[in-house]
Amino acid sequence: MSAGFPPIFLQSGTRDLFLSNAVRLHHKLRHVGARVQLHVFEAMPHGGFSGSPEDMELAAEVVRLVTECLPSSVR
């Protein structure tokens, strides 16, 4: 892994089978200096909540990251 990765958004839930994988990946990417965000949602299983308020919060976080990564001329 190297810092050359594009910005990365990781999401998981406390009931997600892959939570530990997401945490380890987040740690490794931060270690090499990559721009990465990890969001862990309480009680979320793998795949989200199917339209719940938590899914809306998750969508807002994705939009925020994408907006931050766009050049200011495009925002």
Protein backbone atom coordinates (compact mmCIF):
# COMPACT_ATOMS: atom_id res chain seq x y z
CA MET A 1 0.00 0.00 0.00
CA SER A 2 1.14 3.51 -0.70
CA ALA A 3 0.00 7.08 -0.23
CA GLY A 4 -0.85 7.22 -3.93
CA PHE A 5 -4.37 5.95 -3.31
CA PRO A 6 -7.23 8.34 -4.10
CA PRO A 7 -9.37 9.46 -1.13
CA ILE A 8 -11.10 6.43 0.38
CA PHE A 9 -14.38 6.18 2.28
CA LEU A 10 -14.87 3.05 4.38
CA GLN A 11 -18.11 2.21 6.11
CA SER A 12 -19.10 -0.58 8.40
CA GLY A 13 -21.42 -1.33 11.26
CA THR A 14 -20.98 -2.81 14.68
CA ARG A 15 -22.89 -5.88 13.45
CA ASP A 16 -21.04 -6.15 10.14
CA LEU A 17 -19.12 -9.36 9.59
CA PHE A 18 -16.36 -7.31 7.92
CA LEU A 19 -15.95 -4.65 10.62
CA SER A 20 -12.52 -5.89 11.71
CA ASN A 21 -11.36 -5.96 8.07
CA ALA A 22 -12.48 -2.36 7.59
CA VAL A 23 -10.65 -1.27 10.74
CA ARG A 24 -7.44 -3.04 9.70
CA LEU A 25 -7.61 -1.56 6.19
CA HIS A 26 -8.19 1.91 7.64
CA HIS A 27 -5.16 1.51 9.91
CA LYS A 28 -2.89 0.34 7.06
CA LEU A 29 -3.98 3.15 4.74
CA ARG A 30 -3.44 5.79 7.43
CA HIS A 31 -0.02 4.30 8.15
CA VAL A 32 1.10 4.96 4.55
CA GLY A 33 -0.40 8.45 4.56
CA ALA A 34 -3.45 7.82 2.39
CA ARG A 35 -6.50 10.04 2.82
CA VAL A 36 -9.08 7.69 4.31
CA GLN A 37 -12.20 7.99 6.43
CA LEU A 38 -13.80 5.19 8.41
CA HIS A 39 -17.42 5.46 9.53
CA VAL A 40 -18.79 2.80 11.87
CA PHE A 41 -22.52 2.86 12.53
CA GLU A 42 -24.06 1.40 15.68
CA ALA A 43 -25.99 -1.84 15.08
CA MET A 44 -25.65 -1.62 11.28
CA PRO A 45 -25.33 -5.01 9.57
CA HIS A 46 -23.43 -5.51 6.32
CA GLY A 47 -25.30 -3.60 3.62
CA GLY A 48 -26.85 -0.77 5.61
CA PHE A 49 -30.28 -0.11 7.04
CA SER A 50 -32.30 0.11 3.80
CA GLY A 51 -33.52 3.70 3.86
CA SER A 52 -33.27 4.54 7.54
CA PRO A 53 -32.05 7.89 8.93
CA GLU A 54 -28.63 6.27 9.37
CA ASP A 55 -28.49 5.65 5.62
CA MET A 56 -29.24 9.34 5.07
CA GLU A 57 -26.39 10.25 7.42
CA LEU A 58 -24.10 7.90 5.51
CA ALA A 59 -25.09 9.45 2.18
CA ALA A 60 -24.38 12.92 3.55
CA GLU A 61 -20.89 11.81 4.63
CA VAL A 62 -20.15 10.43 1.16
CA VAL A 63 -21.33 13.69 -0.44
CA ARG A 64 -19.14 15.67 1.97
CA LEU A 65 -16.03 13.64 1.10
CA VAL A 66 -16.65 13.88 -2.64
CA THR A 67 -17.27 17.63 -2.38
CA GLU A 68 -14.06 18.13 -0.39
CA CYS A 69 -12.10 16.24 -3.06
CA LEU A 70 -13.42 18.29 -5.97
CA PRO A 71 -11.42 21.28 -7.17
CA SER A 72 -12.87 24.55 -5.87
CA SER A 73 -13.76 25.59 -9.43
CA VAL A 74 -16.21 22.67 -9.67
CA ARG A 75 -17.83 22.97 -6.25
